[in-house]
PDB file of all heavy atoms in Angstrom:
ATOM      1  N   GLY A   1     -48.573  77.649 -74.730  1.00  0.00           N
ATOM      2  CA  GLY A   1     -49.353  77.176 -75.879  1.00  0.00           C
ATOM      3  C   GLY A   1     -48.624  77.190 -77.200  1.00  0.00           C
ATOM      4  O   GLY A   1     -47.427  77.415 -77.229  1.00  0.00           O
ATOM      5  N   HIS A   2     -49.387  77.058 -78.280  1.00  0.00           N
ATOM      6  CA  HIS A   2     -48.810  77.136 -79.639  1.00  0.00           C
ATOM      7  C   HIS A   2     -49.901  77.499 -80.628  1.00  0.00           C
ATOM      8  O   HIS A   2     -51.051  77.498 -80.348  1.00  0.00           O
ATOM      9  CB  HIS A   2     -48.136  75.790 -79.961  1.00  0.00           C
ATOM     10  CG  HIS A   2     -49.102  74.640 -80.019  1.00  0.00           C
ATOM     11  ND1 HIS A   2     -49.512  73.953 -78.902  1.00  0.00           N
ATOM     12  CD2 HIS A   2     -49.811  74.071 -81.059  1.00  0.00           C
ATOM     13  CE1 HIS A   2     -50.384  72.986 -79.223  1.00  0.00           C
ATOM     14  NE2 HIS A   2     -50.592  73.094 -80.522  1.00  0.00           N
ATOM     15  N   LYS A   3     -49.428  77.839 -81.837  1.00  0.00           N
ATOM     16  CA  LYS A   3     -50.352  78.207 -82.912  1.00  0.00           C
ATOM     17  C   LYS A   3     -50.612  77.016 -83.794  1.00  0.00           C
ATOM     18  O   LYS A   3     -49.738  76.207 -84.053  1.00  0.00           O
ATOM     19  CB  LYS A   3     -49.758  79.325 -83.777  1.00  0.00           C
ATOM     20  CG  LYS A   3     -49.601  80.625 -83.032  1.00  0.00           C
ATOM     21  CD  LYS A   3     -49.005  81.705 -83.913  1.00  0.00           C
ATOM     22  CE  LYS A   3     -48.713  82.931 -83.071  1.00  0.00           C
ATOM     23  NZ  LYS A   3     -48.067  83.958 -83.869  1.00  0.00           N
ATOM     24  N   GLU A   4     -51.811  76.890 -84.255  1.00  0.00           N
ATOM     25  CA  GLU A   4     -52.184  75.800 -85.190  1.00  0.00           C
ATOM     26  C   GLU A   4     -52.997  76.450 -86.314  1.00  0.00           C
ATOM     27  O   GLU A   4     -53.655  77.490 -86.164  1.00  0.00           O
ATOM     28  CB  GLU A   4     -53.034  74.737 -84.547  1.00  0.00           C
ATOM     29  CG  GLU A   4     -52.284  73.864 -83.576  1.00  0.00           C
ATOM     30  CD  GLU A   4     -53.018  72.689 -83.111  1.00  0.00           C
ATOM     31  OE1 GLU A   4     -54.151  72.440 -83.613  1.00  0.00           O
ATOM     32  OE2 GLU A   4     -52.507  72.021 -82.204  1.00  0.00           O
ATOM     33  N   ILE A   5     -52.971  75.805 -87.470  1.00  0.00           N
ATOM     34  CA  ILE A   5     -53.733  76.257 -88.611  1.00  0.00           C
ATOM     35  C   ILE A   5     -54.769  75.196 -88.915  1.00  0.00           C
ATOM     36  O   ILE A   5     -54.475  74.025 -89.102  1.00  0.00           O
ATOM     37  CB  ILE A   5     -52.842  76.483 -89.833  1.00  0.00           C
ATOM     38  CG1 ILE A   5     -51.818  77.594 -89.484  1.00  0.00           C
ATOM     39  CG2 ILE A   5     -53.638  76.839 -91.047  1.00  0.00           C
ATOM     40  CD1 ILE A   5     -50.827  77.845 -90.593  1.00  0.00           C
ATOM     41  N   TYR A   6     -56.039  75.649 -88.944  1.00  0.00           N
ATOM     42  CA  TYR A   6     -57.157  74.712 -89.283  1.00  0.00           C
ATOM     43  C   TYR A   6     -57.963  75.316 -90.382  1.00  0.00           C
ATOM     44  O   TYR A   6     -58.503  76.449 -90.233  1.00  0.00           O
ATOM     45  CB  TYR A   6     -58.017  74.441 -88.039  1.00  0.00           C
ATOM     46  CG  TYR A   6     -59.158  73.574 -88.251  1.00  0.00           C
ATOM     47  CD1 TYR A   6     -58.977  72.213 -88.462  1.00  0.00           C
ATOM     48  CD2 TYR A   6     -60.476  74.092 -88.289  1.00  0.00           C
ATOM     49  CE1 TYR A   6     -60.052  71.387 -88.714  1.00  0.00           C
ATOM     50  CE2 TYR A   6     -61.563  73.278 -88.518  1.00  0.00           C
ATOM     51  CZ  TYR A   6     -61.350  71.892 -88.694  1.00  0.00           C
ATOM     52  OH  TYR A   6     -62.454  71.079 -88.927  1.00  0.00           O
ATOM     53  N   ARG A   7     -58.054  74.661 -91.516  1.00  0.00           N
ATOM     54  CA  ARG A   7     -58.788  75.154 -92.691  1.00  0.00           C
ATOM     55  C   ARG A   7     -58.338  76.537 -93.062  1.00  0.00           C
ATOM     56  O   ARG A   7     -59.166  77.414 -93.348  1.00  0.00           O
ATOM     57  CB  ARG A   7     -60.299  75.057 -92.470  1.00  0.00           C
ATOM     58  CG  ARG A   7     -60.725  73.614 -92.332  1.00  0.00           C
ATOM     59  CD  ARG A   7     -62.232  73.582 -92.361  1.00  0.00           C
ATOM     60  NE  ARG A   7     -62.637  72.159 -92.251  1.00  0.00           N
ATOM     61  CZ  ARG A   7     -63.876  71.746 -92.384  1.00  0.00           C
ATOM     62  NH1 ARG A   7     -64.844  72.602 -92.563  1.00  0.00           N
ATOM     63  NH2 ARG A   7     -64.181  70.491 -92.217  1.00  0.00           N
ATOM     64  N   GLY A   8     -57.087  76.793 -93.008  1.00  0.00           N
ATOM     65  CA  GLY A   8     -56.546  78.027 -93.461  1.00  0.00           C
ATOM     66  C   GLY A   8     -56.552  79.138 -92.401  1.00  0.00           C
ATOM     67  O   GLY A   8     -56.014  80.223 -92.628  1.00  0.00           O
ATOM     68  N   ALA A   9     -57.253  78.899 -91.310  1.00  0.00           N
ATOM     69  CA  ALA A   9     -57.308  79.914 -90.255  1.00  0.00           C
ATOM     70  C   ALA A   9     -56.348  79.590 -89.106  1.00  0.00           C
ATOM     71  O   ALA A   9     -56.258  78.455 -88.703  1.00  0.00           O
ATOM     72  CB  ALA A   9     -58.701  80.031 -89.692  1.00  0.00           C
ATOM     73  N   GLU A  10     -55.588  80.528 -88.703  1.00  0.00           N
ATOM     74  CA  GLU A  10     -54.617  80.331 -87.591  1.00  0.00           C
ATOM     75  C   GLU A  10     -55.262  80.682 -86.281  1.00  0.00           C
ATOM     76  O   GLU A  10     -55.988  81.635 -86.120  1.00  0.00           O
ATOM     77  CB  GLU A  10     -53.405  81.268 -87.823  1.00  0.00           C
ATOM     78  CG  GLU A  10     -52.292  81.059 -86.842  1.00  0.00           C
ATOM     79  CD  GLU A  10     -51.098  81.906 -87.138  1.00  0.00           C
ATOM     80  OE1 GLU A  10     -50.372  81.625 -88.078  1.00  0.00           O
ATOM     81  OE2 GLU A  10     -50.923  82.952 -86.373  1.00  0.00           O
ATOM     82  N   TYR A  11     -55.076  79.803 -85.298  1.00  0.00           N
ATOM     83  CA  TYR A  11     -55.563  80.050 -83.958  1.00  0.00           C
ATOM     84  C   TYR A  11     -54.584  79.549 -82.926  1.00  0.00           C
ATOM     85  O   TYR A  11     -53.692  78.743 -83.223  1.00  0.00           O
ATOM     86  CB  TYR A  11     -56.952  79.407 -83.753  1.00  0.00           C
ATOM     87  CG  TYR A  11     -57.010  77.925 -83.784  1.00  0.00           C
ATOM     88  CD1 TYR A  11     -56.989  77.178 -82.576  1.00  0.00           C
ATOM     89  CD2 TYR A  11     -57.077  77.235 -84.957  1.00  0.00           C
ATOM     90  CE1 TYR A  11     -57.002  75.800 -82.604  1.00  0.00           C
ATOM     91  CE2 TYR A  11     -57.078  75.849 -85.015  1.00  0.00           C
ATOM     92  CZ  TYR A  11     -57.070  75.170 -83.843  1.00  0.00           C
ATOM     93  OH  TYR A  11     -57.117  73.762 -83.830  1.00  0.00           O
ATOM     94  N   ILE A  12     -54.693  80.136 -81.739  1.00  0.00           N
ATOM     95  CA  ILE A  12     -53.741  79.783 -80.653  1.00  0.00           C
ATOM     96  C   ILE A  12     -54.374  78.817 -79.713  1.00  0.00           C
ATOM     97  O   ILE A  12     -55.509  79.000 -79.268  1.00  0.00           O
ATOM     98  CB  ILE A  12     -53.362  81.086 -79.874  1.00  0.00           C
ATOM     99  CG1 ILE A  12     -52.558  82.019 -80.857  1.00  0.00           C
ATOM    100  CG2 ILE A  12     -52.502  80.733 -78.696  1.00  0.00           C
ATOM    101  CD1 ILE A  12     -52.287  83.399 -80.274  1.00  0.00           C
ATOM    102  N   VAL A  13     -53.608  77.762 -79.413  1.00  0.00           N
ATOM    103  CA  VAL A  13     -54.036  76.782 -78.425  1.00  0.00           C
ATOM    104  C   VAL A  13     -53.347  77.145 -77.130  1.00  0.00           C
ATOM    105  O   VAL A  13     -52.142  76.968 -77.006  1.00  0.00           O
ATOM    106  CB  VAL A  13     -53.628  75.318 -78.839  1.00  0.00           C
ATOM    107  CG1 VAL A  13     -54.037  74.326 -77.791  1.00  0.00           C
ATOM    108  CG2 VAL A  13     -54.285  74.994 -80.167  1.00  0.00           C
ATOM    109  N   ASP A  14     -54.090  77.744 -76.207  1.00  0.00           N
ATOM    110  CA  ASP A  14     -53.518  78.221 -74.950  1.00  0.00           C
ATOM    111  C   ASP A  14     -53.247  77.095 -73.942  1.00  0.00           C
ATOM    112  O   ASP A  14     -52.195  77.045 -73.329  1.00  0.00           O
ATOM    113  CB  ASP A  14     -54.446  79.234 -74.258  1.00  0.00           C
ATOM    114  CG  ASP A  14     -54.484  80.563 -74.995  1.00  0.00           C
ATOM    115  OD1 ASP A  14     -53.567  80.893 -75.732  1.00  0.00           O
ATOM    116  OD2 ASP A  14     -55.540  81.260 -74.834  1.00  0.00           O
ATOM    117  N   PHE A  15     -54.178  76.230 -73.812  1.00  0.00           N
ATOM    118  CA  PHE A  15     -54.084  75.198 -72.785  1.00  0.00           C
ATOM    119  C   PHE A  15     -53.680  73.853 -73.489  1.00  0.00           C
ATOM    120  O   PHE A  15     -54.404  73.362 -74.386  1.00  0.00           O
ATOM    121  CB  PHE A  15     -55.378  74.970 -72.040  1.00  0.00           C
ATOM    122  CG  PHE A  15     -55.732  76.204 -71.196  1.00  0.00           C
ATOM    123  CD1 PHE A  15     -56.595  77.117 -71.714  1.00  0.00           C
ATOM    124  CD2 PHE A  15     -55.152  76.377 -69.973  1.00  0.00           C
ATOM    125  CE1 PHE A  15     -56.936  78.227 -70.936  1.00  0.00           C
ATOM    126  CE2 PHE A  15     -55.414  77.474 -69.194  1.00  0.00           C
ATOM    127  CZ  PHE A  15     -56.338  78.399 -69.677  1.00  0.00           C
ATOM    128  N   LEU A  16     -52.565  73.338 -73.062  1.00  0.00           N
ATOM    129  CA  LEU A  16     -52.002  72.102 -73.662  1.00  0.00           C
ATOM    130  C   LEU A  16     -52.384  70.891 -72.797  1.00  0.00           C
ATOM    131  O   LEU A  16     -52.409  71.014 -71.560  1.00  0.00           O
ATOM    132  CB  LEU A  16     -50.494  72.235 -73.807  1.00  0.00           C
ATOM    133  CG  LEU A  16     -50.058  73.412 -74.658  1.00  0.00           C
ATOM    134  CD1 LEU A  16     -48.561  73.555 -74.559  1.00  0.00           C
ATOM    135  CD2 LEU A  16     -50.483  73.225 -76.101  1.00  0.00           C
ATOM    136  N   PRO A  17     -52.588  69.748 -73.455  1.00  0.00           N
ATOM    137  CA  PRO A  17     -52.913  68.544 -72.693  1.00  0.00           C
ATOM    138  C   PRO A  17     -51.723  68.047 -71.854  1.00  0.00           C
ATOM    139  O   PRO A  17     -50.615  68.021 -72.348  1.00  0.00           O
ATOM    140  CB  PRO A  17     -53.322  67.515 -73.727  1.00  0.00           C
ATOM    141  CG  PRO A  17     -52.693  68.005 -75.012  1.00  0.00           C
ATOM    142  CD  PRO A  17     -52.594  69.480 -74.870  1.00  0.00           C
ATOM    143  N   LYS A  18     -51.962  67.751 -70.615  1.00  0.00           N
ATOM    144  CA  LYS A  18     -50.954  67.225 -69.692  1.00  0.00           C
ATOM    145  C   LYS A  18     -51.586  66.079 -68.905  1.00  0.00           C
ATOM    146  O   LYS A  18     -52.760  65.901 -68.901  1.00  0.00           O
ATOM    147  CB  LYS A  18     -50.457  68.310 -68.711  1.00  0.00           C
ATOM    148  CG  LYS A  18     -49.885  69.541 -69.383  1.00  0.00           C
ATOM    149  CD  LYS A  18     -48.539  69.277 -69.929  1.00  0.00           C
ATOM    150  CE  LYS A  18     -47.948  70.540 -70.578  1.00  0.00           C
ATOM    151  NZ  LYS A  18     -46.678  70.354 -71.153  1.00  0.00           N
ATOM    152  N   ILE A  19     -50.765  65.386 -68.158  1.00  0.00           N
ATOM    153  CA  ILE A  19     -51.210  64.327 -67.268  1.00  0.00           C
ATOM    154  C   ILE A  19     -50.748  64.684 -65.884  1.00  0.00           C
ATOM    155  O   ILE A  19     -49.610  65.060 -65.632  1.00  0.00           O
ATOM    156  CB  ILE A  19     -50.637  62.935 -67.623  1.00  0.00           C
ATOM    157  CG1 ILE A  19     -51.082  62.482 -69.032  1.00  0.00           C
ATOM    158  CG2 ILE A  19     -50.944  61.903 -66.554  1.00  0.00           C
ATOM    159  CD1 ILE A  19     -52.551  62.146 -69.082  1.00  0.00           C
ATOM    160  N   LYS A  20     -51.686  64.645 -64.904  1.00  0.00           N
ATOM    161  CA  LYS A  20     -51.379  64.860 -63.472  1.00  0.00           C
ATOM    162  C   LYS A  20     -51.351  63.506 -62.767  1.00  0.00           C
ATOM    163  O   LYS A  20     -52.313  62.774 -62.789  1.00  0.00           O
ATOM    164  CB  LYS A  20     -52.452  65.762 -62.841  1.00  0.00           C
ATOM    165  CG  LYS A  20     -52.180  66.064 -61.413  1.00  0.00           C
ATOM    166  CD  LYS A  20     -53.291  67.005 -60.922  1.00  0.00           C
ATOM    167  CE  LYS A  20     -53.116  67.339 -59.464  1.00  0.00           C
ATOM    168  NZ  LYS A  20     -54.191  68.183 -58.992  1.00  0.00           N
ATOM    169  N   ILE A  21     -50.198  63.201 -62.199  1.00  0.00           N
ATOM    170  CA  ILE A  21     -49.988  61.990 -61.518  1.00  0.00           C
ATOM    171  C   ILE A  21     -49.918  62.307 -60.013  1.00  0.00           C
ATOM    172  O   ILE A  21     -49.122  63.169 -59.606  1.00  0.00           O
ATOM    173  CB  ILE A  21     -48.645  61.318 -61.952  1.00  0.00           C
ATOM    174  CG1 ILE A  21     -48.676  61.017 -63.433  1.00  0.00           C
ATOM    175  CG2 ILE A  21     -48.414  60.023 -61.118  1.00  0.00           C
ATOM    176  CD1 ILE A  21     -47.331  60.676 -64.002  1.00  0.00           C
ATOM    177  N   GLU A  22     -50.684  61.638 -59.203  1.00  0.00           N
ATOM    178  CA  GLU A  22     -50.697  61.846 -57.759  1.00  0.00           C
ATOM    179  C   GLU A  22     -50.319  60.531 -57.060  1.00  0.00           C
ATOM    180  O   GLU A  22     -50.928  59.499 -57.340  1.00  0.00           O
ATOM    181  CB  GLU A  22     -52.091  62.312 -57.302  1.00  0.00           C
ATOM    182  CG  GLU A  22     -52.477  63.668 -57.895  1.00  0.00           C
ATOM    183  CD  GLU A  22     -53.912  63.991 -57.521  1.00  0.00           C
ATOM    184  OE1 GLU A  22     -54.076  64.427 -56.348  1.00  0.00           O
ATOM    185  OE2 GLU A  22     -54.818  63.809 -58.333  1.00  0.00           O
ATOM    186  N   VAL A  23     -49.338  60.582 -56.216  1.00  0.00           N
ATOM    187  CA  VAL A  23     -48.959  59.413 -55.383  1.00  0.00           C
ATOM    188  C   VAL A  23     -48.694  59.874 -53.980  1.00  0.00           C
ATOM    189  O   VAL A  23     -48.252  60.996 -53.709  1.00  0.00           O
ATOM    190  CB  VAL A  23     -47.711  58.652 -55.965  1.00  0.00           C
ATOM    191  CG1 VAL A  23     -47.961  58.136 -57.350  1.00  0.00           C
ATOM    192  CG2 VAL A  23     -46.506  59.606 -55.984  1.00  0.00           C
ATOM    193  N   GLU A  24     -48.993  58.964 -53.040  1.00  0.00           N
ATOM    194  CA  GLU A  24     -48.667  59.241 -51.638  1.00  0.00           C
ATOM    195  C   GLU A  24     -47.575  58.243 -51.283  1.00  0.00           C
ATOM    196  O   GLU A  24     -47.664  57.053 -51.529  1.00  0.00           O
ATOM    197  CB  GLU A  24     -49.915  59.054 -50.749  1.00  0.00           C
ATOM    198  CG  GLU A  24     -50.921  60.144 -50.880  1.00  0.00           C
ATOM    199  CD  GLU A  24     -51.704  60.072 -52.182  1.00  0.00           C
ATOM    200  OE1 GLU A  24     -51.904  58.938 -52.695  1.00  0.00           O
ATOM    201  OE2 GLU A  24     -52.164  61.105 -52.670  1.00  0.00           O
ATOM    202  N   VAL A  25     -46.503  58.744 -50.668  1.00  0.00           N
ATOM    203  CA  VAL A  25     -45.355  57.910 -50.294  1.00  0.00           C
ATOM    204  C   VAL A  25     -44.919  58.203 -48.880  1.00  0.00           C
ATOM    205  O   VAL A  25     -45.158  59.287 -48.364  1.00  0.00           O
ATOM    206  CB  VAL A  25     -44.174  58.094 -51.260  1.00  0.00           C
ATOM    207  CG1 VAL A  25     -44.554  57.738 -52.715  1.00  0.00           C
ATOM    208  CG2 VAL A  25     -43.628  59.539 -51.215  1.00  0.00           C
ATOM    209  N   ALA A  26     -44.193  57.256 -48.311  1.00  0.00           N
ATOM    210  CA  ALA A  26     -43.571  57.480 -47.028  1.00  0.00           C
ATOM    211  C   ALA A  26     -42.503  58.524 -47.201  1.00  0.00           C
ATOM    212  O   ALA A  26     -41.912  58.691 -48.290  1.00  0.00           O
ATOM    213  CB  ALA A  26     -42.930  56.196 -46.472  1.00  0.00           C
ATOM    214  N   SER A  27     -42.183  59.304 -46.140  1.00  0.00           N
ATOM    215  CA  SER A  27     -41.199  60.371 -46.242  1.00  0.00           C
ATOM    216  C   SER A  27     -39.841  59.951 -46.764  1.00  0.00           C
ATOM    217  O   SER A  27     -39.214  60.712 -47.479  1.00  0.00           O
ATOM    218  CB  SER A  27     -41.059  61.030 -44.873  1.00  0.00           C
ATOM    219  OG  SER A  27     -42.294  61.625 -44.492  1.00  0.00           O
ATOM    220  N   ASP A  28     -39.411  58.727 -46.443  1.00  0.00           N
ATOM    221  CA  ASP A  28     -38.118  58.255 -46.868  1.00  0.00           C
ATOM    222  C   ASP A  28     -38.079  57.935 -48.403  1.00  0.00           C
ATOM    223  O   ASP A  28     -37.026  57.769 -48.988  1.00  0.00           O
ATOM    224  CB  ASP A  28     -37.603  57.102 -46.087  1.00  0.00           C
ATOM    225  CG  ASP A  28     -38.538  55.866 -46.143  1.00  0.00           C
ATOM    226  OD1 ASP A  28     -39.789  56.105 -46.340  1.00  0.00           O
ATOM    227  OD2 ASP A  28     -38.056  54.756 -46.087  1.00  0.00           O
ATOM    228  N   LEU A  29     -39.301  57.829 -49.041  1.00  0.00           N
ATOM    229  CA  LEU A  29     -39.292  57.558 -50.483  1.00  0.00           C
ATOM    230  C   LEU A  29     -39.447  58.805 -51.305  1.00  0.00           C
ATOM    231  O   LEU A  29     -39.464  58.680 -52.573  1.00  0.00           O
ATOM    232  CB  LEU A  29     -40.523  56.601 -50.779  1.00  0.00           C
ATOM    233  CG  LEU A  29     -40.217  55.101 -50.680  1.00  0.00           C
ATOM    234  CD1 LEU A  29     -41.501  54.360 -51.049  1.00  0.00           C
ATOM    235  CD2 LEU A  29     -39.106  54.667 -51.510  1.00  0.00           C
ATOM    236  N   VAL A  30     -39.583  59.931 -50.697  1.00  0.00           N
ATOM    237  CA  VAL A  30     -39.786  61.171 -51.476  1.00  0.00           C
ATOM    238  C   VAL A  30     -38.667  61.439 -52.450  1.00  0.00           C
ATOM    239  O   VAL A  30     -38.908  61.632 -53.645  1.00  0.00           O
ATOM    240  CB  VAL A  30     -40.026  62.416 -50.530  1.00  0.00           C
ATOM    241  CG1 VAL A  30     -40.092  63.696 -51.373  1.00  0.00           C
ATOM    242  CG2 VAL A  30     -41.340  62.223 -49.813  1.00  0.00           C
ATOM    243  N   GLU A  31     -37.462  61.486 -52.012  1.00  0.00           N
ATOM    244  CA  GLU A  31     -36.313  61.807 -52.871  1.00  0.00           C
ATOM    245  C   GLU A  31     -36.155  60.777 -53.964  1.00  0.00           C
ATOM    246  O   GLU A  31     -35.969  61.199 -55.150  1.00  0.00           O
ATOM    247  CB  GLU A  31     -35.029  62.015 -52.079  1.00  0.00           C
ATOM    248  CG  GLU A  31     -35.023  63.310 -51.275  1.00  0.00           C
ATOM    249  CD  GLU A  31     -35.248  64.563 -52.064  1.00  0.00           C
ATOM    250  OE1 GLU A  31     -34.682  64.696 -53.224  1.00  0.00           O
ATOM    251  OE2 GLU A  31     -36.010  65.431 -51.655  1.00  0.00           O
ATOM    252  N   PRO A  32     -36.158  59.453 -53.654  1.00  0.00           N
ATOM    253  CA  PRO A  32     -36.037  58.465 -54.779  1.00  0.00           C
ATOM    254  C   PRO A  32     -37.207  58.640 -55.812  1.00  0.00           C
ATOM    255  O   PRO A  32     -36.954  58.527 -56.983  1.00  0.00           O
ATOM    256  CB  PRO A  32     -36.123  57.122 -54.067  1.00  0.00           C
ATOM    257  CG  PRO A  32     -35.698  57.388 -52.656  1.00  0.00           C
ATOM    258  CD  PRO A  32     -36.111  58.809 -52.363  1.00  0.00           C
ATOM    259  N   ALA A  33     -38.411  58.948 -55.317  1.00  0.00           N
ATOM    260  CA  ALA A  33     -39.557  59.106 -56.223  1.00  0.00           C
ATOM    261  C   ALA A  33     -39.358  60.329 -57.118  1.00  0.00           C
ATOM    262  O   ALA A  33     -39.623  60.258 -58.314  1.00  0.00           O
ATOM    263  CB  ALA A  33     -40.835  59.194 -55.416  1.00  0.00           C
ATOM    264  N   LEU A  34     -38.853  61.412 -56.497  1.00  0.00           N
ATOM    265  CA  LEU A  34     -38.603  62.645 -57.290  1.00  0.00           C
ATOM    266  C   LEU A  34     -37.567  62.372 -58.425  1.00  0.00           C
ATOM    267  O   LEU A  34     -37.785  62.784 -59.556  1.00  0.00           O
ATOM    268  CB  LEU A  34     -38.153  63.771 -56.404  1.00  0.00           C
ATOM    269  CG  LEU A  34     -39.216  64.333 -55.465  1.00  0.00           C
ATOM    270  CD1 LEU A  34     -38.581  65.417 -54.586  1.00  0.00           C
ATOM    271  CD2 LEU A  34     -40.382  64.927 -56.224  1.00  0.00           C
ATOM    272  N   GLU A  35     -36.532  61.703 -58.009  1.00  0.00           N
ATOM    273  CA  GLU A  35     -35.463  61.390 -58.992  1.00  0.00           C
ATOM    274  C   GLU A  35     -35.976  60.528 -60.159  1.00  0.00           C
ATOM    275  O   GLU A  35     -35.715  60.786 -61.301  1.00  0.00           O
ATOM    276  CB  GLU A  35     -34.261  60.698 -58.367  1.00  0.00           C
ATOM    277  CG  GLU A  35     -33.453  61.655 -57.485  1.00  0.00           C
ATOM    278  CD  GLU A  35     -32.912  62.841 -58.226  1.00  0.00           C
ATOM    279  OE1 GLU A  35     -32.404  62.648 -59.419  1.00  0.00           O
ATOM    280  OE2 GLU A  35     -33.041  63.964 -57.754  1.00  0.00           O
TER     281      GLU A  35
END
């Protein structure tokens, strides 16, 4: 996380926004997809 200041008060943002991407691929496409 990180610290932010809002109206003069400091607080810690523990959980940061992320995106979860899910794909299903044939076994032979795993390495190219990872790269």
